[in-house]
Amino acid sequence: MASNRIRRIAKEIADIRADTHSQITAEPLGDDDDVTHLRGSFPGPPGTPYEGGTYKVDIKIPTEYPFRPPVMKFITKVWHPNVSSQTGAICLDTLSSAWSPILTIKAALLSLQSLLSTPEPKDPQDAEVATMLLRNPKEFDRVAREWAVQHAGAPRRAAGEGSGGATSESLRELERKEKEAREKEDLSKYDGYNKQLIDRFVHMGFDVDAVVSAFNYYGIDRNGGEDYELEEAYMGDVTARLLGEP
């Protein structure tokens, strides 16, 4: 039985070496004759804070393998709700209750890579990280990215970095665009009238829509969207209409 187990592990290692596309690795730690203690690695998934980093994993193959899953923990420090930030312990069904003898070491490493893309903060290994992800996802992204740079060798700016791994610079750019979009949306409420002109009535306590409607009712000149002093008669008419006076 032991020889069958060793042959299977050796074949799995050979299959991983033959697959250069996935960039998954698993090599014996120390003595090549001992294939029951391995060091695996995989690249951080694109579009996440972990992109561009390389994540190393300690792998111990139990005597009952493949009927029991390999025992894995991260060697590389990683900021993730399902990985202990202190010990590298992993919370993943594939490595416990969902393990099947048809699965392989490579499949387990691919599951870890997928876990980085799909964190489960409601079933955490690290409560502090999970709380940050739930309450302040932008800060979570920032810290996860900083850890990827410091511990996994990720570049400061990863090519094609998605929203999940946005740098501070890209976050600022995103916030700027969102602010511009809000401002454009707000200006559309003014129907071409100058904002300051309308806001003189808004500051009296009237809604923008009501003021614009009154301006349209009296045919107030839009003046190309430029500000100007409204004639006193029009000021009175608009105010009276806003107050509901006949």
C-alpha atoms as a PDB file:
ATOM      1  CA  MET A   1       0.000   0.000   0.000  1.00  0.00           C
ATOM      2  CA  ALA A   2       2.830   2.350   0.937  1.00  0.00           C
ATOM      3  CA  SER A   3       4.537   1.836  -2.436  1.00  0.00           C
ATOM      4  CA  ASN A   4       1.272   2.571  -4.258  1.00  0.00           C
ATOM      5  CA  ARG A   5       0.950   5.812  -2.270  1.00  0.00           C
ATOM      6  CA  ILE A   6       4.509   6.859  -3.092  1.00  0.00           C
ATOM      7  CA  ARG A   7       4.056   6.022  -6.780  1.00  0.00           C
ATOM      8  CA  ARG A   8       0.896   8.099  -6.915  1.00  0.00           C
ATOM      9  CA  ILE A   9       2.571  11.098  -5.263  1.00  0.00           C
ATOM     10  CA  ALA A  10       5.554  10.829  -7.612  1.00  0.00           C
ATOM     11  CA  LYS A  11       3.251  10.716 -10.628  1.00  0.00           C
ATOM     12  CA  GLU A  12       1.375  13.770  -9.375  1.00  0.00           C
ATOM     13  CA  ILE A  13       4.645  15.676  -8.976  1.00  0.00           C
ATOM     14  CA  ALA A  14       5.648  14.673 -12.512  1.00  0.00           C
ATOM     15  CA  ASP A  15       2.289  15.864 -13.872  1.00  0.00           C
ATOM     16  CA  ILE A  16       2.708  19.220 -12.124  1.00  0.00           C
ATOM     17  CA  ARG A  17       6.220  19.626 -13.583  1.00  0.00           C
ATOM     18  CA  ALA A  18       4.869  18.860 -17.059  1.00  0.00           C
ATOM     19  CA  ASP A  19       2.210  21.577 -16.791  1.00  0.00           C
ATOM     20  CA  THR A  20       4.100  24.837 -17.245  1.00  0.00           C
ATOM     21  CA  HIS A  21       1.008  26.802 -18.211  1.00  0.00           C
ATOM     22  CA  SER A  22      -0.621  26.910 -14.759  1.00  0.00           C
ATOM     23  CA  GLN A  23       2.649  27.935 -13.034  1.00  0.00           C
ATOM     24  CA  ILE A  24       1.767  25.552 -10.196  1.00  0.00           C
ATOM     25  CA  THR A  25       4.795  23.894  -8.575  1.00  0.00           C
ATOM     26  CA  ALA A  26       5.248  21.123  -6.005  1.00  0.00           C
ATOM     27  CA  GLU A  27       8.717  19.840  -5.173  1.00  0.00           C
ATOM     28  CA  PRO A  28      10.126  17.624  -2.407  1.00  0.00           C
ATOM     29  CA  LEU A  29      11.465  19.608   0.502  1.00  0.00           C
ATOM     30  CA  GLY A  30      15.069  18.613   1.093  1.00  0.00           C
ATOM     31  CA  ASP A  31      15.697  14.980   0.166  1.00  0.00           C
ATOM     32  CA  ASP A  32      14.209  14.203  -3.263  1.00  0.00           C
ATOM     33  CA  ASP A  33      13.582  10.638  -2.089  1.00  0.00           C
ATOM     34  CA  ASP A  34      11.018  11.877   0.457  1.00  0.00           C
ATOM     35  CA  VAL A  35       7.946  12.896  -1.536  1.00  0.00           C
ATOM     36  CA  THR A  36       5.719  13.115   1.543  1.00  0.00           C
ATOM     37  CA  HIS A  37       6.882  16.626   2.465  1.00  0.00           C
ATOM     38  CA  LEU A  38       6.618  19.125  -0.365  1.00  0.00           C
ATOM     39  CA  ARG A  39       6.790  22.820  -1.000  1.00  0.00           C
ATOM     40  CA  GLY A  40       4.169  24.061  -3.431  1.00  0.00           C
ATOM     41  CA  SER A  41       3.629  27.428  -5.034  1.00  0.00           C
ATOM     42  CA  PHE A  42       1.233  29.250  -7.312  1.00  0.00           C
ATOM     43  CA  PRO A  43       0.838  32.792  -8.698  1.00  0.00           C
ATOM     44  CA  GLY A  44      -1.625  35.227  -7.183  1.00  0.00           C
ATOM     45  CA  PRO A  45      -4.789  35.324  -9.292  1.00  0.00           C
ATOM     46  CA  PRO A  46      -5.245  38.258 -11.713  1.00  0.00           C
ATOM     47  CA  GLY A  47      -7.650  41.033 -10.751  1.00  0.00           C
ATOM     48  CA  THR A  48      -7.043  40.565  -7.018  1.00  0.00           C
ATOM     49  CA  PRO A  49      -4.777  42.278  -4.484  1.00  0.00           C
ATOM     50  CA  TYR A  50      -2.560  39.174  -4.717  1.00  0.00           C
ATOM     51  CA  GLU A  51      -1.813  39.565  -8.436  1.00  0.00           C
ATOM     52  CA  GLY A  52       1.855  39.426  -9.345  1.00  0.00           C
ATOM     53  CA  GLY A  53       2.872  37.632  -6.154  1.00  0.00           C
ATOM     54  CA  THR A  54       4.072  34.053  -5.692  1.00  0.00           C
ATOM     55  CA  TYR A  55       2.508  32.134  -2.815  1.00  0.00           C
ATOM     56  CA  LYS A  56       4.419  29.252  -1.244  1.00  0.00           C
ATOM     57  CA  VAL A  57       2.671  26.446   0.619  1.00  0.00           C
ATOM     58  CA  ASP A  58       3.937  23.744   2.959  1.00  0.00           C
ATOM     59  CA  ILE A  59       2.471  20.352   2.007  1.00  0.00           C
ATOM     60  CA  LYS A  60       2.589  17.221   4.156  1.00  0.00           C
ATOM     61  CA  ILE A  61       1.153  14.019   2.722  1.00  0.00           C
ATOM     62  CA  PRO A  62      -0.493  11.805   5.377  1.00  0.00           C
ATOM     63  CA  THR A  63      -0.012   8.045   5.499  1.00  0.00           C
ATOM     64  CA  GLU A  64      -3.677   7.561   4.514  1.00  0.00           C
ATOM     65  CA  TYR A  65      -3.335   9.650   1.307  1.00  0.00           C
ATOM     66  CA  PRO A  66      -5.291   9.812  -1.000  1.00  0.00           C
ATOM     67  CA  PHE A  67      -8.087   8.853   1.376  1.00  0.00           C
ATOM     68  CA  ARG A  68      -7.143  11.763   3.610  1.00  0.00           C
ATOM     69  CA  PRO A  69      -6.268  15.209   2.223  1.00  0.00           C
ATOM     70  CA  PRO A  70      -2.778  16.682   2.237  1.00  0.00           C
ATOM     71  CA  VAL A  71      -2.074  18.975   5.178  1.00  0.00           C
ATOM     72  CA  MET A  72      -1.355  22.433   3.787  1.00  0.00           C
ATOM     73  CA  LYS A  73      -0.499  25.804   5.231  1.00  0.00           C
ATOM     74  CA  PHE A  74       0.800  29.005   3.696  1.00  0.00           C
ATOM     75  CA  ILE A  75       4.493  29.729   4.110  1.00  0.00           C
ATOM     76  CA  THR A  76       4.029  33.118   2.465  1.00  0.00           C
ATOM     77  CA  LYS A  77       2.229  35.553   4.732  1.00  0.00           C
ATOM     78  CA  VAL A  78      -1.114  36.482   3.198  1.00  0.00           C
ATOM     79  CA  TRP A  79      -3.865  38.881   4.286  1.00  0.00           C
ATOM     80  CA  HIS A  80      -7.028  36.868   3.652  1.00  0.00           C
ATOM     81  CA  PRO A  81     -10.032  36.008   5.867  1.00  0.00           C
ATOM     82  CA  ASN A  82      -9.664  32.260   5.303  1.00  0.00           C
ATOM     83  CA  VAL A  83      -5.941  32.137   6.078  1.00  0.00           C
ATOM     84  CA  SER A  84      -4.408  32.803   9.482  1.00  0.00           C
ATOM     85  CA  SER A  85      -2.252  35.922   9.240  1.00  0.00           C
ATOM     86  CA  GLN A  86      -0.109  34.475  12.045  1.00  0.00           C
ATOM     87  CA  THR A  87       0.327  30.764  11.262  1.00  0.00           C
ATOM     88  CA  GLY A  88      -0.735  30.350   7.621  1.00  0.00           C
ATOM     89  CA  ALA A  89      -3.451  27.838   8.602  1.00  0.00           C
ATOM     90  CA  ILE A  90      -6.153  27.498   5.956  1.00  0.00           C
ATOM     91  CA  CYS A  91      -9.921  27.181   6.193  1.00  0.00           C
ATOM     92  CA  LEU A  92     -11.000  25.391   2.988  1.00  0.00           C
ATOM     93  CA  ASP A  93     -13.509  22.578   2.495  1.00  0.00           C
ATOM     94  CA  THR A  94     -11.352  20.942  -0.184  1.00  0.00           C
ATOM     95  CA  LEU A  95      -8.689  20.273   2.458  1.00  0.00           C
ATOM     96  CA  SER A  96     -11.172  18.815   4.936  1.00  0.00           C
ATOM     97  CA  SER A  97     -14.784  17.673   4.549  1.00  0.00           C
ATOM     98  CA  ALA A  98     -14.956  18.092   0.749  1.00  0.00           C
ATOM     99  CA  TRP A  99     -11.791  16.117   0.026  1.00  0.00           C
ATOM    100  CA  SER A 100     -12.122  13.127  -2.303  1.00  0.00           C
ATOM    101  CA  PRO A 101      -9.542  10.460  -3.243  1.00  0.00           C
ATOM    102  CA  ILE A 102      -9.949  11.472  -6.893  1.00  0.00           C
ATOM    103  CA  LEU A 103      -8.508  14.907  -6.081  1.00  0.00           C
ATOM    104  CA  THR A 104      -4.792  15.616  -6.386  1.00  0.00           C
ATOM    105  CA  ILE A 105      -2.111  17.852  -4.903  1.00  0.00           C
ATOM    106  CA  LYS A 106      -2.389  20.060  -7.980  1.00  0.00           C
ATOM    107  CA  ALA A 107      -6.162  20.307  -7.537  1.00  0.00           C
ATOM    108  CA  ALA A 108      -5.653  21.336  -3.911  1.00  0.00           C
ATOM    109  CA  LEU A 109      -3.181  24.071  -4.925  1.00  0.00           C
ATOM    110  CA  LEU A 110      -5.579  25.319  -7.601  1.00  0.00           C
ATOM    111  CA  SER A 111      -8.295  25.439  -4.927  1.00  0.00           C
ATOM    112  CA  LEU A 112      -6.034  27.629  -2.796  1.00  0.00           C
ATOM    113  CA  GLN A 113      -5.438  29.928  -5.752  1.00  0.00           C
ATOM    114  CA  SER A 114      -9.189  30.133  -6.296  1.00  0.00           C
ATOM    115  CA  LEU A 115      -9.693  30.845  -2.590  1.00  0.00           C
ATOM    116  CA  LEU A 116      -7.651  34.035  -2.953  1.00  0.00           C
ATOM    117  CA  SER A 117     -10.136  35.177  -5.618  1.00  0.00           C
ATOM    118  CA  THR A 118     -13.234  34.259  -3.620  1.00  0.00           C
ATOM    119  CA  PRO A 119     -12.779  34.998   0.088  1.00  0.00           C
ATOM    120  CA  GLU A 120     -15.459  33.800   2.496  1.00  0.00           C
ATOM    121  CA  PRO A 121     -15.438  36.311   5.374  1.00  0.00           C
ATOM    122  CA  LYS A 122     -18.499  34.726   7.002  1.00  0.00           C
ATOM    123  CA  ASP A 123     -16.557  31.478   7.537  1.00  0.00           C
ATOM    124  CA  PRO A 124     -13.188  32.907   8.574  1.00  0.00           C
ATOM    125  CA  GLN A 125      -9.899  31.506   9.729  1.00  0.00           C
ATOM    126  CA  ASP A 126      -8.784  35.002  10.745  1.00  0.00           C
ATOM    127  CA  ALA A 127     -11.557  37.056  12.368  1.00  0.00           C
ATOM    128  CA  GLU A 128      -9.633  40.352  12.241  1.00  0.00           C
ATOM    129  CA  VAL A 129      -9.136  40.126   8.482  1.00  0.00           C
ATOM    130  CA  ALA A 130     -12.738  39.023   7.914  1.00  0.00           C
ATOM    131  CA  THR A 131     -14.057  41.975   9.920  1.00  0.00           C
ATOM    132  CA  MET A 132     -11.973  44.404   7.857  1.00  0.00           C
ATOM    133  CA  LEU A 133     -13.217  42.897   4.583  1.00  0.00           C
ATOM    134  CA  LEU A 134     -16.850  43.185   5.686  1.00  0.00           C
ATOM    135  CA  ARG A 135     -16.619  46.672   7.194  1.00  0.00           C
ATOM    136  CA  ASN A 136     -13.959  48.387   5.095  1.00  0.00           C
ATOM    137  CA  PRO A 137     -13.250  46.523   1.837  1.00  0.00           C
ATOM    138  CA  LYS A 138     -11.049  49.315   0.446  1.00  0.00           C
ATOM    139  CA  GLU A 139      -8.776  49.110   3.466  1.00  0.00           C
ATOM    140  CA  PHE A 140      -8.745  45.316   3.127  1.00  0.00           C
ATOM    141  CA  ASP A 141      -7.619  45.661  -0.497  1.00  0.00           C
ATOM    142  CA  ARG A 142      -4.902  48.109   0.533  1.00  0.00           C
ATOM    143  CA  VAL A 143      -3.498  45.871   3.283  1.00  0.00           C
ATOM    144  CA  ALA A 144      -3.770  42.700   1.176  1.00  0.00           C
ATOM    145  CA  ARG A 145      -1.884  44.417  -1.632  1.00  0.00           C
ATOM    146  CA  GLU A 146       0.773  45.747   0.741  1.00  0.00           C
ATOM    147  CA  TRP A 147       1.301  42.221   2.117  1.00  0.00           C
ATOM    148  CA  ALA A 148       1.519  40.879  -1.436  1.00  0.00           C
ATOM    149  CA  VAL A 149       4.274  43.392  -2.183  1.00  0.00           C
ATOM    150  CA  GLN A 150       6.159  42.782   1.069  1.00  0.00           C
ATOM    151  CA  HIS A 151       5.834  39.012   1.389  1.00  0.00           C
ATOM    152  CA  ALA A 152       4.961  37.566  -2.041  1.00  0.00           C
ATOM    153  CA  GLY A 153       7.183  39.695  -4.284  1.00  0.00           C
ATOM    154  CA  ALA A 154       4.311  41.423  -6.080  1.00  0.00           C
ATOM    155  CA  PRO A 155       5.151  44.689  -7.860  1.00  0.00           C
ATOM    156  CA  ARG A 156       3.794  47.950  -6.507  1.00  0.00           C
ATOM    157  CA  ARG A 157       1.595  48.258  -9.580  1.00  0.00           C
ATOM    158  CA  ALA A 158       0.533  45.023 -11.217  1.00  0.00           C
ATOM    159  CA  ALA A 159      -0.329  45.118 -14.919  1.00  0.00           C
ATOM    160  CA  GLY A 160      -4.049  44.697 -15.464  1.00  0.00           C
ATOM    161  CA  GLU A 161      -4.738  45.059 -11.781  1.00  0.00           C
ATOM    162  CA  GLY A 162      -8.490  44.895 -11.155  1.00  0.00           C
ATOM    163  CA  SER A 163     -10.668  46.672  -8.636  1.00  0.00           C
ATOM    164  CA  GLY A 164      -9.966  43.968  -6.086  1.00  0.00           C
ATOM    165  CA  GLY A 165      -6.274  44.879  -6.121  1.00  0.00           C
ATOM    166  CA  ALA A 166      -6.453  48.589  -6.785  1.00  0.00           C
ATOM    167  CA  THR A 167      -3.499  50.636  -5.640  1.00  0.00           C
ATOM    168  CA  SER A 168      -3.923  53.900  -3.749  1.00  0.00           C
ATOM    169  CA  GLU A 169      -3.319  55.783  -6.990  1.00  0.00           C
ATOM    170  CA  SER A 170      -5.999  53.873  -8.893  1.00  0.00           C
ATOM    171  CA  LEU A 171      -8.401  54.251  -5.976  1.00  0.00           C
ATOM    172  CA  ARG A 172      -7.919  58.009  -6.078  1.00  0.00           C
ATOM    173  CA  GLU A 173      -8.548  57.992  -9.823  1.00  0.00           C
ATOM    174  CA  LEU A 174     -11.695  55.920  -9.317  1.00  0.00           C
ATOM    175  CA  GLU A 175     -12.937  58.285  -6.611  1.00  0.00           C
ATOM    176  CA  ARG A 176     -12.222  61.284  -8.875  1.00  0.00           C
ATOM    177  CA  LYS A 177     -14.248  59.773 -11.716  1.00  0.00           C
ATOM    178  CA  GLU A 178     -17.107  58.928  -9.359  1.00  0.00           C
ATOM    179  CA  LYS A 179     -17.086  62.519  -8.055  1.00  0.00           C
ATOM    180  CA  GLU A 180     -17.173  63.902 -11.615  1.00  0.00           C
ATOM    181  CA  ALA A 181     -20.070  61.593 -12.474  1.00  0.00           C
ATOM    182  CA  ARG A 182     -21.996  62.763  -9.396  1.00  0.00           C
ATOM    183  CA  GLU A 183     -21.337  66.382 -10.281  1.00  0.00           C
ATOM    184  CA  LYS A 184     -22.560  65.859 -13.850  1.00  0.00           C
ATOM    185  CA  GLU A 185     -25.673  64.154 -12.535  1.00  0.00           C
ATOM    186  CA  ASP A 186     -26.285  67.023 -10.111  1.00  0.00           C
ATOM    187  CA  LEU A 187     -25.822  69.637 -12.842  1.00  0.00           C
ATOM    188  CA  SER A 188     -28.377  67.872 -15.035  1.00  0.00           C
ATOM    189  CA  LYS A 189     -31.002  68.805 -12.445  1.00  0.00           C
ATOM    190  CA  TYR A 190     -30.413  72.473 -13.230  1.00  0.00           C
ATOM    191  CA  ASP A 191     -31.733  72.073 -16.797  1.00  0.00           C
ATOM    192  CA  GLY A 192     -29.084  74.313 -18.294  1.00  0.00           C
ATOM    193  CA  TYR A 193     -29.454  77.118 -15.740  1.00  0.00           C
ATOM    194  CA  ASN A 194     -26.418  78.327 -13.826  1.00  0.00           C
ATOM    195  CA  LYS A 195     -26.071  76.436 -10.538  1.00  0.00           C
ATOM    196  CA  GLN A 196     -25.354  79.545  -8.469  1.00  0.00           C
ATOM    197  CA  LEU A 197     -28.424  81.275  -9.939  1.00  0.00           C
ATOM    198  CA  ILE A 198     -30.727  78.396  -8.957  1.00  0.00           C
ATOM    199  CA  ASP A 199     -29.019  77.894  -5.621  1.00  0.00           C
ATOM    200  CA  ARG A 200     -29.944  81.421  -4.503  1.00  0.00           C
ATOM    201  CA  PHE A 201     -33.497  80.090  -4.188  1.00  0.00           C
ATOM    202  CA  VAL A 202     -32.383  76.655  -2.964  1.00  0.00           C
ATOM    203  CA  HIS A 203     -30.646  78.348  -0.038  1.00  0.00           C
ATOM    204  CA  MET A 204     -34.025  79.824   0.886  1.00  0.00           C
ATOM    205  CA  GLY A 205     -35.246  76.268   1.496  1.00  0.00           C
ATOM    206  CA  PHE A 206     -36.765  75.371  -1.901  1.00  0.00           C
ATOM    207  CA  ASP A 207     -36.004  72.181  -3.866  1.00  0.00           C
ATOM    208  CA  VAL A 208     -33.890  72.383  -7.019  1.00  0.00           C
ATOM    209  CA  ASP A 209     -36.664  70.784  -9.099  1.00  0.00           C
ATOM    210  CA  ALA A 210     -39.251  73.295  -7.864  1.00  0.00           C
ATOM    211  CA  VAL A 211     -36.972  76.262  -8.606  1.00  0.00           C
ATOM    212  CA  VAL A 212     -36.158  74.986 -12.103  1.00  0.00           C
ATOM    213  CA  SER A 213     -39.855  74.415 -12.748  1.00  0.00           C
ATOM    214  CA  ALA A 214     -40.642  78.008 -11.703  1.00  0.00           C
ATOM    215  CA  PHE A 215     -37.868  79.344 -13.935  1.00  0.00           C
ATOM    216  CA  ASN A 216     -39.274  77.382 -16.863  1.00  0.00           C
ATOM    217  CA  TYR A 217     -42.797  78.608 -16.096  1.00  0.00           C
ATOM    218  CA  TYR A 218     -41.681  82.237 -16.395  1.00  0.00           C
ATOM    219  CA  GLY A 219     -39.289  81.597 -19.282  1.00  0.00           C
ATOM    220  CA  ILE A 220     -36.238  82.809 -17.390  1.00  0.00           C
ATOM    221  CA  ASP A 221     -33.228  83.208 -19.697  1.00  0.00           C
ATOM    222  CA  ARG A 222     -30.629  80.463 -19.282  1.00  0.00           C
ATOM    223  CA  ASN A 223     -27.907  82.882 -20.424  1.00  0.00           C
ATOM    224  CA  GLY A 224     -25.785  80.028 -21.757  1.00  0.00           C
ATOM    225  CA  GLY A 225     -25.440  78.565 -18.293  1.00  0.00           C
ATOM    226  CA  GLU A 226     -23.680  81.682 -17.000  1.00  0.00           C
ATOM    227  CA  ASP A 227     -24.556  83.386 -13.731  1.00  0.00           C
ATOM    228  CA  TYR A 228     -26.255  86.805 -13.723  1.00  0.00           C
ATOM    229  CA  GLU A 229     -28.435  88.987 -11.534  1.00  0.00           C
ATOM    230  CA  LEU A 230     -32.110  88.143 -12.014  1.00  0.00           C
ATOM    231  CA  GLU A 231     -34.407  91.138 -12.430  1.00  0.00           C
ATOM    232  CA  GLU A 232     -36.280  92.065  -9.274  1.00  0.00           C
ATOM    233  CA  ALA A 233     -39.676  91.440 -10.877  1.00  0.00           C
ATOM    234  CA  TYR A 234     -38.688  87.923 -11.847  1.00  0.00           C
ATOM    235  CA  MET A 235     -37.266  87.340  -8.371  1.00  0.00           C
ATOM    236  CA  GLY A 236     -40.682  88.222  -6.944  1.00  0.00           C
ATOM    237  CA  ASP A 237     -42.600  86.095  -9.445  1.00  0.00           C
ATOM    238  CA  VAL A 238     -40.430  83.034  -8.924  1.00  0.00           C
ATOM    239  CA  THR A 239     -40.550  83.391  -5.117  1.00  0.00           C
ATOM    240  CA  ALA A 240     -44.320  83.822  -5.144  1.00  0.00           C
ATOM    241  CA  ARG A 241     -44.764  80.690  -7.284  1.00  0.00           C
ATOM    242  CA  LEU A 242     -42.484  78.694  -4.995  1.00  0.00           C
ATOM    243  CA  LEU A 243     -44.531  79.840  -2.016  1.00  0.00           C
ATOM    244  CA  GLY A 244     -47.735  78.799  -3.777  1.00  0.00           C
ATOM    245  CA  GLU A 245     -49.112  82.321  -3.959  1.00  0.00           C
ATOM    246  CA  PRO A 246     -51.554  83.100  -6.803  1.00  0.00           C
END
